[in-house]
Amino acid sequence: MANRHRGEIAALLGGERRTLVLTLGALAELEDAFGGEDMLALASRFETGRISARDAIRVIGAGLRGAGDTVSDEEVARMNVEGGAAGYIAIVADLLTATFGGET
């Protein structure tokens, strides 16, 4: 079960209930993926509400790996989510909110 106080969320991905968390290592992975930005720049990057499919794959993949899953970004890209594209964006928004704070 996901513990929101630790920044964890639960999501149904690929037909399985999974836990995601952006640990310090997962955040470092995202910094590398997005050009070496620091954590504050990373947070403000997503505050605009604009996110590409590639961004969503990277964030979801990093969150899964932060929670101990060994899934690759390629595997994440093939996972289905209820709600289609809006479902992916909802997972990313929930994970970023759990990590950086704000309204849920």
C-alpha atoms as a PDB file:
ATOM      1  CA  MET A   1       0.000   0.000   0.000  1.00  0.00           C
ATOM      2  CA  ALA A   2       1.324   3.424  -0.971  1.00  0.00           C
ATOM      3  CA  ASN A   3       2.224   5.839   1.832  1.00  0.00           C
ATOM      4  CA  ARG A   4       1.590   9.418   0.696  1.00  0.00           C
ATOM      5  CA  HIS A   5       3.600  10.757   3.662  1.00  0.00           C
ATOM      6  CA  ARG A   6       6.662   9.185   2.027  1.00  0.00           C
ATOM      7  CA  GLY A   7       5.716  10.599  -1.377  1.00  0.00           C
ATOM      8  CA  GLU A   8       4.345   7.293  -2.648  1.00  0.00           C
ATOM      9  CA  ILE A   9       1.299   6.920  -4.866  1.00  0.00           C
ATOM     10  CA  ALA A  10      -0.559   3.896  -6.172  1.00  0.00           C
ATOM     11  CA  ALA A  11      -1.568   3.558  -9.819  1.00  0.00           C
ATOM     12  CA  LEU A  12      -3.053   0.905 -12.052  1.00  0.00           C
ATOM     13  CA  LEU A  13      -0.502   0.433 -14.845  1.00  0.00           C
ATOM     14  CA  GLY A  14      -0.480  -2.418 -17.311  1.00  0.00           C
ATOM     15  CA  GLY A  15      -3.316  -4.081 -15.437  1.00  0.00           C
ATOM     16  CA  GLU A  16      -1.398  -4.170 -12.134  1.00  0.00           C
ATOM     17  CA  ARG A  17      -1.670  -1.967  -9.056  1.00  0.00           C
ATOM     18  CA  ARG A  18       1.782  -0.494  -8.617  1.00  0.00           C
ATOM     19  CA  THR A  19       3.522   1.860  -6.208  1.00  0.00           C
ATOM     20  CA  LEU A  20       5.497   4.821  -7.527  1.00  0.00           C
ATOM     21  CA  VAL A  21       7.809   7.159  -5.612  1.00  0.00           C
ATOM     22  CA  LEU A  22      10.348   9.725  -6.723  1.00  0.00           C
ATOM     23  CA  THR A  23      13.246   8.935  -4.411  1.00  0.00           C
ATOM     24  CA  LEU A  24      16.404  11.022  -4.469  1.00  0.00           C
ATOM     25  CA  GLY A  25      17.873   8.524  -6.948  1.00  0.00           C
ATOM     26  CA  ALA A  26      14.771   8.731  -9.150  1.00  0.00           C
ATOM     27  CA  LEU A  27      14.956  12.537  -9.080  1.00  0.00           C
ATOM     28  CA  ALA A  28      18.636  12.376 -10.078  1.00  0.00           C
ATOM     29  CA  GLU A  29      17.630  10.111 -12.961  1.00  0.00           C
ATOM     30  CA  LEU A  30      15.096  12.726 -14.083  1.00  0.00           C
ATOM     31  CA  GLU A  31      17.636  15.540 -13.743  1.00  0.00           C
ATOM     32  CA  ASP A  32      19.902  13.618 -16.127  1.00  0.00           C
ATOM     33  CA  ALA A  33      17.028  12.885 -18.511  1.00  0.00           C
ATOM     34  CA  PHE A  34      15.992  16.541 -18.623  1.00  0.00           C
ATOM     35  CA  GLY A  35      19.408  18.094 -19.116  1.00  0.00           C
ATOM     36  CA  GLY A  36      20.942  18.192 -15.645  1.00  0.00           C
ATOM     37  CA  GLU A  37      18.421  20.592 -14.141  1.00  0.00           C
ATOM     38  CA  ASP A  38      18.321  20.795 -10.341  1.00  0.00           C
ATOM     39  CA  MET A  39      15.281  19.683  -8.330  1.00  0.00           C
ATOM     40  CA  LEU A  40      13.719  23.156  -8.199  1.00  0.00           C
ATOM     41  CA  ALA A  41      14.110  23.563 -11.959  1.00  0.00           C
ATOM     42  CA  LEU A  42      12.645  20.098 -12.381  1.00  0.00           C
ATOM     43  CA  ALA A  43       9.600  21.034 -10.270  1.00  0.00           C
ATOM     44  CA  SER A  44       9.052  24.309 -12.109  1.00  0.00           C
ATOM     45  CA  ARG A  45       9.426  22.525 -15.466  1.00  0.00           C
ATOM     46  CA  PHE A  46       6.238  20.609 -14.710  1.00  0.00           C
ATOM     47  CA  GLU A  47       4.321  23.478 -13.041  1.00  0.00           C
ATOM     48  CA  THR A  48       3.315  24.774 -16.468  1.00  0.00           C
ATOM     49  CA  GLY A  49       1.090  21.728 -16.923  1.00  0.00           C
ATOM     50  CA  ARG A  50       2.673  20.969 -20.287  1.00  0.00           C
ATOM     51  CA  ILE A  51       4.067  17.478 -20.537  1.00  0.00           C
ATOM     52  CA  SER A  52       5.073  15.373 -23.510  1.00  0.00           C
ATOM     53  CA  ALA A  53       4.468  11.655 -23.865  1.00  0.00           C
ATOM     54  CA  ARG A  54       8.238  11.119 -23.458  1.00  0.00           C
ATOM     55  CA  ASP A  55       8.172  13.191 -20.235  1.00  0.00           C
ATOM     56  CA  ALA A  56       5.318  11.045 -18.895  1.00  0.00           C
ATOM     57  CA  ILE A  57       7.187   7.823 -19.708  1.00  0.00           C
ATOM     58  CA  ARG A  58      10.323   9.088 -17.950  1.00  0.00           C
ATOM     59  CA  VAL A  59       8.500  10.301 -14.840  1.00  0.00           C
ATOM     60  CA  ILE A  60       6.394   7.155 -14.500  1.00  0.00           C
ATOM     61  CA  GLY A  61       9.420   4.933 -15.137  1.00  0.00           C
ATOM     62  CA  ALA A  62      11.536   6.778 -12.582  1.00  0.00           C
ATOM     63  CA  GLY A  63       8.672   6.554 -10.070  1.00  0.00           C
ATOM     64  CA  LEU A  64       8.324   2.812 -10.586  1.00  0.00           C
ATOM     65  CA  ARG A  65      12.063   2.258 -10.282  1.00  0.00           C
ATOM     66  CA  GLY A  66      12.129   4.490  -7.179  1.00  0.00           C
ATOM     67  CA  ALA A  67       9.638   2.079  -5.621  1.00  0.00           C
ATOM     68  CA  GLY A  68      11.856  -0.901  -6.486  1.00  0.00           C
ATOM     69  CA  ASP A  69      10.395  -2.044  -9.803  1.00  0.00           C
ATOM     70  CA  THR A  70      12.919  -3.045 -12.476  1.00  0.00           C
ATOM     71  CA  VAL A  71      10.798  -1.844 -15.388  1.00  0.00           C
ATOM     72  CA  SER A  72      12.460  -0.027 -18.304  1.00  0.00           C
ATOM     73  CA  ASP A  73      11.120   3.099 -19.990  1.00  0.00           C
ATOM     74  CA  GLU A  74      10.399   0.950 -23.059  1.00  0.00           C
ATOM     75  CA  GLU A  75       8.196  -1.318 -20.923  1.00  0.00           C
ATOM     76  CA  VAL A  76       6.448   1.710 -19.400  1.00  0.00           C
ATOM     77  CA  ALA A  77       5.723   2.987 -22.914  1.00  0.00           C
ATOM     78  CA  ARG A  78       3.803  -0.229 -23.658  1.00  0.00           C
ATOM     79  CA  MET A  79       1.719  -0.197 -20.453  1.00  0.00           C
ATOM     80  CA  ASN A  80      -1.953   0.630 -20.786  1.00  0.00           C
ATOM     81  CA  VAL A  81      -3.747   2.927 -18.377  1.00  0.00           C
ATOM     82  CA  GLU A  82      -7.442   3.502 -17.831  1.00  0.00           C
ATOM     83  CA  GLY A  83      -8.387   6.839 -19.322  1.00  0.00           C
ATOM     84  CA  GLY A  84      -5.760   6.774 -22.060  1.00  0.00           C
ATOM     85  CA  ALA A  85      -3.546   9.844 -22.354  1.00  0.00           C
ATOM     86  CA  ALA A  86      -5.463  11.656 -19.609  1.00  0.00           C
ATOM     87  CA  GLY A  87      -4.831   8.681 -17.309  1.00  0.00           C
ATOM     88  CA  TYR A  88      -1.078   8.898 -17.840  1.00  0.00           C
ATOM     89  CA  ILE A  89      -1.092  12.628 -17.158  1.00  0.00           C
ATOM     90  CA  ALA A  90      -3.152  12.110 -13.985  1.00  0.00           C
ATOM     91  CA  ILE A  91      -0.553   9.621 -12.689  1.00  0.00           C
ATOM     92  CA  VAL A  92       2.299  12.028 -13.430  1.00  0.00           C
ATOM     93  CA  ALA A  93       0.456  14.939 -11.778  1.00  0.00           C
ATOM     94  CA  ASP A  94      -0.341  12.873  -8.687  1.00  0.00           C
ATOM     95  CA  LEU A  95       3.259  11.666  -8.390  1.00  0.00           C
ATOM     96  CA  LEU A  96       4.698  15.177  -8.780  1.00  0.00           C
ATOM     97  CA  THR A  97       2.220  16.537  -6.231  1.00  0.00           C
ATOM     98  CA  ALA A  98       3.155  13.785  -3.768  1.00  0.00           C
ATOM     99  CA  THR A  99       6.849  14.579  -4.325  1.00  0.00           C
ATOM    100  CA  PHE A 100       6.903  18.370  -4.425  1.00  0.00           C
ATOM    101  CA  GLY A 101       3.721  19.193  -2.493  1.00  0.00           C
ATOM    102  CA  GLY A 102       0.630  21.086  -3.451  1.00  0.00           C
ATOM    103  CA  GLU A 103      -3.037  20.271  -3.836  1.00  0.00           C
ATOM    104  CA  THR A 104      -4.127  16.735  -4.765  1.00  0.00           C
END
